[in-house]
Amino acid sequence: MTDTSSSNSESRIPVARRTVLVAGGATAAALAVGGAASAGALNGTRQDTAAAAVCTLTREMTEGPYYLDGQYVRSDISEGKPGVPLKLTLTVVDDDTCAPLRGALVELWHADALGEYSGFVGKNGHSEPDNGTFLRGGVLTNSAGVAVITSVYPGWYVGRCIHIHVKVHTGVTLTSDGHFTGGREIHTGQLFFSETVTTRVAAISPYSTNRVTRTTLARDSIYDGGGAASGLLTLSALGSSPSAGYAGALTLGVETS
């Protein structure tokens, strides 16, 4: 399996599982974490509480060929890589009940500004140091099901739009050297970015030095146009210019059973 549409072999994983009501980003997070409690206080019944919560089963997508096992558990995965700052707030909830998942490991990995993955540098035609760990890692969700991870805005490579890979694991064991082992993988997906924001970022160095033709979100072979349910982040600016960075938010609805 390759991660380029030139061979067209990174295909979507069919998902035939039930989808609940859809809400994206901060709206879904607020409802999933706080909305149920408020509804319960107003309506006084467990049934009404569940009905008030809104969440969705986030679609699963291919892992791709660039995954590496047992990465660091850490809140900042940037490792000093140049790029536009990116702060991600990902809320993990049970898609049946909208209850937040505490202690789940949210793991991310993505390409740098030049489209290179750590451990696979050179696949996009650039030569740079490769330690096998930059732009990889994850954190455990807090009691509200929230994982906050700092990175840089991803770059692009042949045949794919800008994206971040994500996995959710439960029951992992943290090791003394800061990695994780074991557990159960309950979600594999990808996070996607607004084309409007990406166009602004792509004009900034070092992204502007990436000479590979960029595939847009609309022409990507993996993203299916499903919005938040398919991993499209809600983005907000961290400052007055694109170089100041962006905050990205999404609620991941996962099956826990």
C-alpha atoms as a PDB file:
ATOM      1  CA  MET A   1       0.000   0.000   0.000  1.00  0.00           C
ATOM      2  CA  THR A   2       1.320   3.454  -0.892  1.00  0.00           C
ATOM      3  CA  ASP A   3       0.232   6.900   0.242  1.00  0.00           C
ATOM      4  CA  THR A   4      -0.016   8.525  -3.186  1.00  0.00           C
ATOM      5  CA  SER A   5      -2.890   8.757  -5.633  1.00  0.00           C
ATOM      6  CA  SER A   6      -0.469   8.220  -8.519  1.00  0.00           C
ATOM      7  CA  SER A   7      -0.875   4.520  -7.792  1.00  0.00           C
ATOM      8  CA  ASN A   8      -4.382   5.122  -6.402  1.00  0.00           C
ATOM      9  CA  SER A   9      -3.827   2.434  -3.764  1.00  0.00           C
ATOM     10  CA  GLU A  10      -4.481   4.435  -0.587  1.00  0.00           C
ATOM     11  CA  SER A  11      -8.213   3.915  -0.663  1.00  0.00           C
ATOM     12  CA  ARG A  12     -10.943   4.656   1.813  1.00  0.00           C
ATOM     13  CA  ILE A  13     -11.885   1.996   4.339  1.00  0.00           C
ATOM     14  CA  PRO A  14     -15.596   1.231   3.804  1.00  0.00           C
ATOM     15  CA  VAL A  15     -17.608   2.186   6.862  1.00  0.00           C
ATOM     16  CA  ALA A  16     -21.051   0.639   7.128  1.00  0.00           C
ATOM     17  CA  ARG A  17     -21.511   1.371  10.811  1.00  0.00           C
ATOM     18  CA  ARG A  18     -24.349   3.497  12.207  1.00  0.00           C
ATOM     19  CA  THR A  19     -23.907   7.263  12.266  1.00  0.00           C
ATOM     20  CA  VAL A  20     -25.442   9.362  15.051  1.00  0.00           C
ATOM     21  CA  LEU A  21     -26.450  13.035  14.706  1.00  0.00           C
ATOM     22  CA  VAL A  22     -23.603  15.141  13.368  1.00  0.00           C
ATOM     23  CA  ALA A  23     -21.893  18.077  15.073  1.00  0.00           C
ATOM     24  CA  GLY A  24     -18.349  19.273  14.526  1.00  0.00           C
ATOM     25  CA  GLY A  25     -15.540  20.902  16.448  1.00  0.00           C
ATOM     26  CA  ALA A  26     -16.238  22.939  19.549  1.00  0.00           C
ATOM     27  CA  THR A  27     -20.021  22.552  19.270  1.00  0.00           C
ATOM     28  CA  ALA A  28     -19.907  18.785  19.509  1.00  0.00           C
ATOM     29  CA  ALA A  29     -17.260  18.893  22.213  1.00  0.00           C
ATOM     30  CA  ALA A  30     -19.339  21.213  24.363  1.00  0.00           C
ATOM     31  CA  LEU A  31     -22.474  19.146  23.936  1.00  0.00           C
ATOM     32  CA  ALA A  32     -20.695  15.865  24.515  1.00  0.00           C
ATOM     33  CA  VAL A  33     -18.950  17.070  27.670  1.00  0.00           C
ATOM     34  CA  GLY A  34     -21.393  19.557  29.160  1.00  0.00           C
ATOM     35  CA  GLY A  35     -24.657  19.334  27.261  1.00  0.00           C
ATOM     36  CA  ALA A  36     -25.771  16.041  28.725  1.00  0.00           C
ATOM     37  CA  ALA A  37     -25.360  17.258  32.296  1.00  0.00           C
ATOM     38  CA  SER A  38     -27.347  20.418  31.573  1.00  0.00           C
ATOM     39  CA  ALA A  39     -30.118  18.489  29.872  1.00  0.00           C
ATOM     40  CA  GLY A  40     -30.307  16.084  32.777  1.00  0.00           C
ATOM     41  CA  ALA A  41     -30.731  18.933  35.232  1.00  0.00           C
ATOM     42  CA  LEU A  42     -33.525  20.430  33.136  1.00  0.00           C
ATOM     43  CA  ASN A  43     -35.387  17.270  32.183  1.00  0.00           C
ATOM     44  CA  GLY A  44     -34.603  15.024  35.117  1.00  0.00           C
ATOM     45  CA  THR A  45     -34.321  11.781  33.175  1.00  0.00           C
ATOM     46  CA  ARG A  46     -31.472   9.740  31.756  1.00  0.00           C
ATOM     47  CA  GLN A  47     -33.415   9.276  28.515  1.00  0.00           C
ATOM     48  CA  ASP A  48     -33.785  13.043  27.954  1.00  0.00           C
ATOM     49  CA  THR A  49     -30.112  13.556  28.767  1.00  0.00           C
ATOM     50  CA  ALA A  50     -29.032  11.108  26.072  1.00  0.00           C
ATOM     51  CA  ALA A  51     -31.409  12.659  23.562  1.00  0.00           C
ATOM     52  CA  ALA A  52     -29.961  16.124  24.165  1.00  0.00           C
ATOM     53  CA  ALA A  53     -26.377  15.083  23.425  1.00  0.00           C
ATOM     54  CA  VAL A  54     -25.198  15.340  19.825  1.00  0.00           C
ATOM     55  CA  CYS A  55     -22.259  13.372  18.410  1.00  0.00           C
ATOM     56  CA  THR A  56     -21.247  11.362  15.378  1.00  0.00           C
ATOM     57  CA  LEU A  57     -19.365   8.213  14.534  1.00  0.00           C
ATOM     58  CA  THR A  58     -16.239   9.594  12.879  1.00  0.00           C
ATOM     59  CA  ARG A  59     -15.447   7.786   9.651  1.00  0.00           C
ATOM     60  CA  GLU A  60     -12.401   5.549   9.627  1.00  0.00           C
ATOM     61  CA  MET A  61      -9.802   5.961   6.897  1.00  0.00           C
ATOM     62  CA  THR A  62      -6.659   4.192   5.811  1.00  0.00           C
ATOM     63  CA  GLU A  63      -3.590   4.148   8.062  1.00  0.00           C
ATOM     64  CA  GLY A  64      -1.306   4.648   5.068  1.00  0.00           C
ATOM     65  CA  PRO A  65       2.273   3.392   4.756  1.00  0.00           C
ATOM     66  CA  TYR A  66       4.045   5.808   7.122  1.00  0.00           C
ATOM     67  CA  TYR A  67       2.967   4.588  10.569  1.00  0.00           C
ATOM     68  CA  LEU A  68       5.602   3.710  13.182  1.00  0.00           C
ATOM     69  CA  ASP A  69       4.739   1.829  16.386  1.00  0.00           C
ATOM     70  CA  GLY A  70       5.326   2.957  19.945  1.00  0.00           C
ATOM     71  CA  GLN A  71       5.968   6.664  19.546  1.00  0.00           C
ATOM     72  CA  TYR A  72       6.452   9.188  22.361  1.00  0.00           C
ATOM     73  CA  VAL A  73       3.621  10.189  24.660  1.00  0.00           C
ATOM     74  CA  ARG A  74       4.000  13.983  24.645  1.00  0.00           C
ATOM     75  CA  SER A  75       1.911  17.096  24.126  1.00  0.00           C
ATOM     76  CA  ASP A  76       4.309  18.790  21.665  1.00  0.00           C
ATOM     77  CA  ILE A  77       5.331  16.720  18.637  1.00  0.00           C
ATOM     78  CA  SER A  78       6.929  19.520  16.603  1.00  0.00           C
ATOM     79  CA  GLU A  79      10.553  18.887  17.675  1.00  0.00           C
ATOM     80  CA  GLY A  80      11.496  22.341  16.417  1.00  0.00           C
ATOM     81  CA  LYS A  81      10.379  21.666  12.855  1.00  0.00           C
ATOM     82  CA  PRO A  82       9.842  24.927  10.956  1.00  0.00           C
ATOM     83  CA  GLY A  83       6.280  25.775  10.060  1.00  0.00           C
ATOM     84  CA  VAL A  84       3.100  27.572  11.029  1.00  0.00           C
ATOM     85  CA  PRO A  85       2.124  26.740  14.647  1.00  0.00           C
ATOM     86  CA  LEU A  86      -0.817  24.388  15.081  1.00  0.00           C
ATOM     87  CA  LYS A  87      -2.636  23.665  18.340  1.00  0.00           C
ATOM     88  CA  LEU A  88      -5.083  20.777  18.137  1.00  0.00           C
ATOM     89  CA  THR A  89      -7.871  20.123  20.628  1.00  0.00           C
ATOM     90  CA  LEU A  90      -9.404  16.717  19.985  1.00  0.00           C
ATOM     91  CA  THR A  91     -12.296  15.448  22.088  1.00  0.00           C
ATOM     92  CA  VAL A  92     -12.906  11.695  22.110  1.00  0.00           C
ATOM     93  CA  VAL A  93     -16.428  10.512  22.877  1.00  0.00           C
ATOM     94  CA  ASP A  94     -18.367   7.265  22.756  1.00  0.00           C
ATOM     95  CA  ASP A  95     -20.522   7.523  19.649  1.00  0.00           C
ATOM     96  CA  ASP A  96     -23.439   5.733  21.339  1.00  0.00           C
ATOM     97  CA  THR A  97     -23.693   7.792  24.534  1.00  0.00           C
ATOM     98  CA  CYS A  98     -21.558  10.890  23.730  1.00  0.00           C
ATOM     99  CA  ALA A  99     -19.751  10.238  27.020  1.00  0.00           C
ATOM    100  CA  PRO A 100     -16.127  11.446  26.976  1.00  0.00           C
ATOM    101  CA  LEU A 101     -13.390   8.808  26.997  1.00  0.00           C
ATOM    102  CA  ARG A 102     -10.876   9.386  29.761  1.00  0.00           C
ATOM    103  CA  GLY A 103      -7.338   8.002  29.486  1.00  0.00           C
ATOM    104  CA  ALA A 104      -7.529   7.177  25.773  1.00  0.00           C
ATOM    105  CA  LEU A 105      -4.310   7.764  23.839  1.00  0.00           C
ATOM    106  CA  VAL A 106      -4.766  10.065  20.835  1.00  0.00           C
ATOM    107  CA  GLU A 107      -1.812   9.483  18.501  1.00  0.00           C
ATOM    108  CA  LEU A 108      -0.897  11.675  15.533  1.00  0.00           C
ATOM    109  CA  TRP A 109       1.639  11.590  12.725  1.00  0.00           C
ATOM    110  CA  HIS A 110       2.027  13.809   9.669  1.00  0.00           C
ATOM    111  CA  ALA A 111       4.397  15.221   7.058  1.00  0.00           C
ATOM    112  CA  ASP A 112       6.556  18.316   7.574  1.00  0.00           C
ATOM    113  CA  ALA A 113       6.375  21.478   5.450  1.00  0.00           C
ATOM    114  CA  LEU A 114       8.244  19.761   2.622  1.00  0.00           C
ATOM    115  CA  GLY A 115       5.997  16.697   2.669  1.00  0.00           C
ATOM    116  CA  GLU A 116       8.454  14.368   4.409  1.00  0.00           C
ATOM    117  CA  TYR A 117       7.562  11.885   7.166  1.00  0.00           C
ATOM    118  CA  SER A 118      10.052  11.064   9.892  1.00  0.00           C
ATOM    119  CA  GLY A 119      11.451   7.587   9.328  1.00  0.00           C
ATOM    120  CA  PHE A 120      10.792   7.928   5.589  1.00  0.00           C
ATOM    121  CA  VAL A 121      12.595  11.134   4.627  1.00  0.00           C
ATOM    122  CA  GLY A 122      13.321  11.339   0.905  1.00  0.00           C
ATOM    123  CA  LYS A 123      10.022   9.896  -0.271  1.00  0.00           C
ATOM    124  CA  ASN A 124       8.921  13.377  -1.378  1.00  0.00           C
ATOM    125  CA  GLY A 125      12.256  14.254  -2.953  1.00  0.00           C
ATOM    126  CA  HIS A 126      13.870  16.270  -0.164  1.00  0.00           C
ATOM    127  CA  SER A 127      17.043  15.590   1.815  1.00  0.00           C
ATOM    128  CA  GLU A 128      16.919  16.448   5.516  1.00  0.00           C
ATOM    129  CA  PRO A 129      17.859  14.925   8.881  1.00  0.00           C
ATOM    130  CA  ASP A 130      15.656  12.004   9.869  1.00  0.00           C
ATOM    131  CA  ASN A 131      15.406  10.907  13.511  1.00  0.00           C
ATOM    132  CA  GLY A 132      12.267   8.824  13.021  1.00  0.00           C
ATOM    133  CA  THR A 133      10.274  10.774  15.625  1.00  0.00           C
ATOM    134  CA  PHE A 134       9.531  14.324  14.429  1.00  0.00           C
ATOM    135  CA  LEU A 135       5.839  15.147  14.041  1.00  0.00           C
ATOM    136  CA  ARG A 136       4.833  11.901  15.757  1.00  0.00           C
ATOM    137  CA  GLY A 137       3.373  11.194  19.177  1.00  0.00           C
ATOM    138  CA  GLY A 138       0.285  11.396  21.294  1.00  0.00           C
ATOM    139  CA  VAL A 139      -1.294  12.248  24.622  1.00  0.00           C
ATOM    140  CA  LEU A 140      -3.825  10.720  26.982  1.00  0.00           C
ATOM    141  CA  THR A 141      -7.252  12.339  27.128  1.00  0.00           C
ATOM    142  CA  ASN A 142      -8.243  14.085  30.350  1.00  0.00           C
ATOM    143  CA  SER A 143     -11.437  13.513  32.336  1.00  0.00           C
ATOM    144  CA  ALA A 144     -13.391  15.479  29.709  1.00  0.00           C
ATOM    145  CA  GLY A 145     -12.054  13.279  26.912  1.00  0.00           C
ATOM    146  CA  VAL A 146      -9.851  16.086  25.597  1.00  0.00           C
ATOM    147  CA  ALA A 147      -6.361  15.727  24.117  1.00  0.00           C
ATOM    148  CA  VAL A 148      -4.377  18.890  23.333  1.00  0.00           C
ATOM    149  CA  ILE A 149      -1.391  18.468  20.994  1.00  0.00           C
ATOM    150  CA  THR A 150       0.936  21.117  19.607  1.00  0.00           C
ATOM    151  CA  SER A 151       2.565  20.688  16.212  1.00  0.00           C
ATOM    152  CA  VAL A 152       3.063  22.628  12.977  1.00  0.00           C
ATOM    153  CA  TYR A 153       0.722  22.873  10.012  1.00  0.00           C
ATOM    154  CA  PRO A 154       1.421  19.851   7.765  1.00  0.00           C
ATOM    155  CA  GLY A 155       2.937  20.072   4.304  1.00  0.00           C
ATOM    156  CA  TRP A 156       1.948  18.052   1.256  1.00  0.00           C
ATOM    157  CA  TYR A 157       3.342  15.358  -0.987  1.00  0.00           C
ATOM    158  CA  VAL A 158       2.510  13.795  -4.331  1.00  0.00           C
ATOM    159  CA  GLY A 159      -1.154  12.874  -4.750  1.00  0.00           C
ATOM    160  CA  ARG A 160      -2.529  13.827  -1.307  1.00  0.00           C
ATOM    161  CA  CYS A 161      -4.112  16.911   0.171  1.00  0.00           C
ATOM    162  CA  ILE A 162      -2.788  18.215   3.480  1.00  0.00           C
ATOM    163  CA  HIS A 163      -3.809  15.882   6.303  1.00  0.00           C
ATOM    164  CA  ILE A 164      -2.860  14.400   9.671  1.00  0.00           C
ATOM    165  CA  HIS A 165      -3.172  10.725  10.550  1.00  0.00           C
ATOM    166  CA  VAL A 166      -4.830   9.859  13.853  1.00  0.00           C
ATOM    167  CA  LYS A 167      -5.317   6.749  15.962  1.00  0.00           C
ATOM    168  CA  VAL A 168      -7.161   6.322  19.247  1.00  0.00           C
ATOM    169  CA  HIS A 169      -6.005   3.587  21.627  1.00  0.00           C
ATOM    170  CA  THR A 170      -7.390   2.432  24.964  1.00  0.00           C
ATOM    171  CA  GLY A 171      -5.586   0.571  27.723  1.00  0.00           C
ATOM    172  CA  VAL A 172      -2.045   1.467  26.683  1.00  0.00           C
ATOM    173  CA  THR A 173       0.946   1.062  28.996  1.00  0.00           C
ATOM    174  CA  LEU A 174       3.342   3.985  29.360  1.00  0.00           C
ATOM    175  CA  THR A 175       7.013   3.035  29.422  1.00  0.00           C
ATOM    176  CA  SER A 176       9.781   4.572  31.510  1.00  0.00           C
ATOM    177  CA  ASP A 177      11.382   6.135  28.433  1.00  0.00           C
ATOM    178  CA  GLY A 178       8.253   8.063  27.460  1.00  0.00           C
ATOM    179  CA  HIS A 179       6.769   5.711  24.859  1.00  0.00           C
ATOM    180  CA  PHE A 180       3.672   3.483  24.949  1.00  0.00           C
ATOM    181  CA  THR A 181       2.959  -0.185  24.336  1.00  0.00           C
ATOM    182  CA  GLY A 182      -0.047  -2.495  24.167  1.00  0.00           C
ATOM    183  CA  GLY A 183      -3.644  -1.439  24.424  1.00  0.00           C
ATOM    184  CA  ARG A 184      -6.442  -1.699  21.904  1.00  0.00           C
ATOM    185  CA  GLU A 185      -6.751   0.413  18.778  1.00  0.00           C
ATOM    186  CA  ILE A 186     -10.354   1.640  18.462  1.00  0.00           C
ATOM    187  CA  HIS A 187     -10.099   4.257  15.721  1.00  0.00           C
ATOM    188  CA  THR A 188      -7.911   5.008  12.705  1.00  0.00           C
ATOM    189  CA  GLY A 189      -8.645   8.113  10.705  1.00  0.00           C
ATOM    190  CA  GLN A 190      -7.325  11.323   9.208  1.00  0.00           C
ATOM    191  CA  LEU A 191      -7.750  15.025   9.976  1.00  0.00           C
ATOM    192  CA  PHE A 192      -8.293  17.510   7.148  1.00  0.00           C
ATOM    193  CA  PHE A 193      -7.900  21.263   6.691  1.00  0.00           C
ATOM    194  CA  SER A 194      -9.901  24.059   5.092  1.00  0.00           C
ATOM    195  CA  GLU A 195      -8.626  24.807   1.602  1.00  0.00           C
ATOM    196  CA  THR A 196      -8.945  28.536   2.319  1.00  0.00           C
ATOM    197  CA  VAL A 197      -6.547  28.299   5.270  1.00  0.00           C
ATOM    198  CA  THR A 198      -4.206  25.916   3.479  1.00  0.00           C
ATOM    199  CA  THR A 199      -3.867  28.328   0.551  1.00  0.00           C
ATOM    200  CA  ARG A 200      -2.721  31.054   2.950  1.00  0.00           C
ATOM    201  CA  VAL A 201      -0.248  28.760   4.699  1.00  0.00           C
ATOM    202  CA  ALA A 202       1.143  27.404   1.421  1.00  0.00           C
ATOM    203  CA  ALA A 203       2.328  30.908   0.497  1.00  0.00           C
ATOM    204  CA  ILE A 204       4.533  31.151   3.611  1.00  0.00           C
ATOM    205  CA  SER A 205       8.105  29.841   3.881  1.00  0.00           C
ATOM    206  CA  PRO A 206       9.074  26.998   4.224  1.00  0.00           C
ATOM    207  CA  TYR A 207       5.847  25.712   2.626  1.00  0.00           C
ATOM    208  CA  SER A 208       6.410  27.951  -0.391  1.00  0.00           C
ATOM    209  CA  THR A 209       9.652  26.082  -1.139  1.00  0.00           C
ATOM    210  CA  ASN A 210       7.771  22.795  -1.567  1.00  0.00           C
ATOM    211  CA  ARG A 211       7.650  22.518  -5.361  1.00  0.00           C
ATOM    212  CA  VAL A 212       5.471  19.399  -5.452  1.00  0.00           C
ATOM    213  CA  THR A 213       2.085  20.094  -7.049  1.00  0.00           C
ATOM    214  CA  ARG A 214      -0.418  20.336  -4.217  1.00  0.00           C
ATOM    215  CA  THR A 215      -3.568  18.212  -4.350  1.00  0.00           C
ATOM    216  CA  THR A 216      -6.589  20.174  -3.117  1.00  0.00           C
ATOM    217  CA  LEU A 217      -9.119  18.895  -0.611  1.00  0.00           C
ATOM    218  CA  ALA A 218     -11.761  18.545  -3.336  1.00  0.00           C
ATOM    219  CA  ARG A 219      -9.468  16.381  -5.495  1.00  0.00           C
ATOM    220  CA  ASP A 220      -8.076  14.167  -2.739  1.00  0.00           C
ATOM    221  CA  SER A 221      -8.478  10.403  -3.150  1.00  0.00           C
ATOM    222  CA  ILE A 222      -9.233   9.826   0.546  1.00  0.00           C
ATOM    223  CA  TYR A 223     -11.320  12.732   1.842  1.00  0.00           C
ATOM    224  CA  ASP A 224     -14.961  12.089   0.939  1.00  0.00           C
ATOM    225  CA  GLY A 225     -16.497  15.524   1.487  1.00  0.00           C
ATOM    226  CA  GLY A 226     -18.219  14.535   4.722  1.00  0.00           C
ATOM    227  CA  GLY A 227     -17.095  17.529   6.784  1.00  0.00           C
ATOM    228  CA  ALA A 228     -16.531  16.980  10.512  1.00  0.00           C
ATOM    229  CA  ALA A 229     -17.795  13.402  10.275  1.00  0.00           C
ATOM    230  CA  SER A 230     -14.915  12.709   7.881  1.00  0.00           C
ATOM    231  CA  GLY A 231     -12.275  14.502   9.959  1.00  0.00           C
ATOM    232  CA  LEU A 232     -12.523  18.114   8.737  1.00  0.00           C
ATOM    233  CA  LEU A 233     -11.155  20.340  11.496  1.00  0.00           C
ATOM    234  CA  THR A 234     -12.720  23.566  12.706  1.00  0.00           C
ATOM    235  CA  LEU A 235      -9.876  26.098  12.384  1.00  0.00           C
ATOM    236  CA  SER A 236      -9.434  29.478  14.046  1.00  0.00           C
ATOM    237  CA  ALA A 237      -6.561  31.944  13.725  1.00  0.00           C
ATOM    238  CA  LEU A 238      -4.148  32.381  16.630  1.00  0.00           C
ATOM    239  CA  GLY A 239      -3.154  35.861  15.499  1.00  0.00           C
ATOM    240  CA  SER A 240      -3.599  38.542  12.885  1.00  0.00           C
ATOM    241  CA  SER A 241      -1.509  36.810  10.207  1.00  0.00           C
ATOM    242  CA  PRO A 242      -1.310  33.200   8.954  1.00  0.00           C
ATOM    243  CA  SER A 243       2.246  32.883  10.273  1.00  0.00           C
ATOM    244  CA  ALA A 244       0.882  33.263  13.837  1.00  0.00           C
ATOM    245  CA  GLY A 245      -0.725  29.866  13.485  1.00  0.00           C
ATOM    246  CA  TYR A 246      -4.062  28.154  13.893  1.00  0.00           C
ATOM    247  CA  ALA A 247      -6.081  26.256  16.459  1.00  0.00           C
ATOM    248  CA  GLY A 248      -7.882  23.165  15.215  1.00  0.00           C
ATOM    249  CA  ALA A 249     -10.756  21.402  16.977  1.00  0.00           C
ATOM    250  CA  LEU A 250     -12.710  18.237  16.308  1.00  0.00           C
ATOM    251  CA  THR A 251     -14.774  15.718  18.228  1.00  0.00           C
ATOM    252  CA  LEU A 252     -13.922  12.109  17.410  1.00  0.00           C
ATOM    253  CA  GLY A 253     -16.862   9.778  17.926  1.00  0.00           C
ATOM    254  CA  VAL A 254     -15.560   6.223  18.376  1.00  0.00           C
ATOM    255  CA  GLU A 255     -16.985   2.793  19.056  1.00  0.00           C
ATOM    256  CA  THR A 256     -15.750   1.475  22.387  1.00  0.00           C
ATOM    257  CA  SER A 257     -17.315  -1.990  22.299  1.00  0.00           C
END
